[in-house]
Protein backbone atom coordinates (compact mmCIF):
# COMPACT_ATOMS: atom_id res chain seq x y z
CA MET A 1 -0.11 0.26 0.13
CA ASN A 2 1.65 3.62 -0.81
CA THR A 3 1.24 5.88 1.11
CA PRO A 4 1.54 9.92 0.38
CA ASP A 5 5.35 9.78 1.46
CA SER A 6 6.33 6.61 -0.13
CA PRO A 7 8.68 6.48 -3.24
CA SER A 8 5.96 5.05 -5.37
CA ALA A 9 3.31 7.32 -4.27
CA ALA A 10 2.89 9.66 -7.52
CA PRO A 11 0.25 8.70 -9.14
CA ALA A 12 -0.14 8.11 -13.41
CA SER A 13 -1.73 10.94 -13.56
CA LEU A 14 0.40 13.05 -12.02
CA HIS A 15 2.74 11.54 -14.22
CA ASP A 16 0.95 12.22 -17.57
CA ALA A 17 0.21 16.02 -16.29
CA LEU A 18 4.28 16.19 -15.83
CA LEU A 19 5.50 14.62 -19.13
CA SER A 20 2.88 17.01 -21.01
CA VAL A 21 4.09 19.96 -19.78
CA LEU A 22 7.17 18.91 -20.12
CA THR A 23 6.20 18.19 -24.10
CA LYS A 24 4.27 21.47 -24.23
CA ALA A 25 7.54 23.37 -23.28
CA GLY A 26 9.07 21.57 -25.86
CA SER A 27 13.04 21.20 -25.82
CA GLY A 28 13.55 23.26 -22.80
CA THR A 29 13.66 22.45 -19.34
CA LEU A 30 11.54 23.63 -16.71
CA SER A 31 11.59 23.70 -12.81
CA ALA A 32 9.19 21.90 -10.09
CA PRO A 33 7.30 25.34 -9.29
CA GLU A 34 6.78 25.62 -13.49
CA ILE A 35 5.54 22.48 -13.48
CA ALA A 36 3.36 22.90 -10.82
CA HIS A 37 1.60 26.47 -11.78
CA ALA A 38 1.16 25.02 -15.15
CA ILE A 39 -0.76 21.67 -13.92
CA ALA A 40 -2.48 23.79 -11.09
CA PRO A 41 -2.21 27.26 -12.23
CA GLU A 42 -5.36 28.51 -10.08
CA GLY A 43 -4.85 26.07 -7.02
CA ASP A 44 -2.29 25.44 -4.14
CA TRP A 45 0.58 24.16 -6.45
CA HIS A 46 2.75 24.34 -3.74
CA ARG A 47 1.21 21.10 -2.73
CA LEU A 48 2.73 19.71 -5.56
CA LEU A 49 6.35 20.07 -5.77
CA MET A 50 7.01 17.16 -3.32
CA PRO A 51 4.95 14.34 -5.89
CA ILE A 52 6.26 16.25 -8.76
CA ARG A 53 10.51 15.64 -7.24
CA ARG A 54 8.80 12.23 -6.70
CA ALA A 55 7.56 11.12 -9.95
CA ALA A 56 10.79 12.93 -11.48
CA VAL A 57 12.35 10.89 -9.96
CA GLU A 58 10.47 7.53 -10.91
CA LEU A 59 10.20 8.93 -14.71
CA ALA A 60 14.31 9.46 -14.84
CA LEU A 61 14.54 5.77 -13.54
CA ALA A 62 12.54 4.90 -16.28
CA GLY A 63 14.38 7.08 -18.83
CA ARG A 64 11.51 9.02 -19.97
CA LEU A 65 12.72 12.61 -18.23
CA VAL A 66 16.31 14.00 -17.21
CA ILE A 67 16.45 15.41 -13.95
CA TYR A 68 19.26 18.67 -14.72
CA ARG A 69 21.08 19.98 -11.89
CA LYS A 70 23.53 23.12 -12.29
CA GLY A 71 22.16 22.30 -15.98
CA LYS A 72 23.72 19.19 -16.47
CA PRO A 73 22.15 15.67 -15.88
CA ALA A 74 21.67 14.92 -12.29
CA ASP A 75 21.86 11.07 -10.93
CA PRO A 76 18.57 10.17 -10.13
CA ASN A 77 18.83 8.91 -6.88
CA ASP A 78 21.53 11.53 -5.28
CA PHE A 79 20.82 15.45 -5.93
CA ARG A 80 19.82 17.87 -4.01
CA GLY A 81 18.73 21.67 -4.43
CA VAL A 82 17.09 23.45 -6.89
CA TYR A 83 16.75 21.40 -10.29
CA ARG A 84 15.21 21.81 -13.56
CA LEU A 85 13.08 18.94 -15.46
CA GLY A 86 13.74 18.31 -19.30
CA LEU A 87 12.78 15.42 -22.01
CA PRO A 88 15.52 13.03 -22.99
CA ARG A 89 17.15 14.48 -25.78
CA HIS A 90 17.72 12.77 -28.91
CA ASP A 91 20.61 14.64 -30.46
C-alpha cells in the first residue's frame, strides 16, 4: 500500500501531467514550481512540489525524462537543491 510519503505514491495521472507540461515546453527545461503552476494554475500548486519530485525520480529512472542540476544531467537517486526537468534529447 502506498502512503503519501512512499516513493511510489505519485499517481499515473501526475506522471502524465508532468510529461504533458514538458512536451508543451519543447526542448527546454522547467523547474518544479513552473510545472506545478502549469498543472494547478488556480489551485494550491505548492502541495505538488514533493509529488512532482517523486514522480520525476520515477520517470527519470524509467528513461522518460532527465533531471538537470546546474545544467547537467543529475543522478535521479542522488541530487539535491534546485533542479530542472526536461525530456530526453535525441540528438
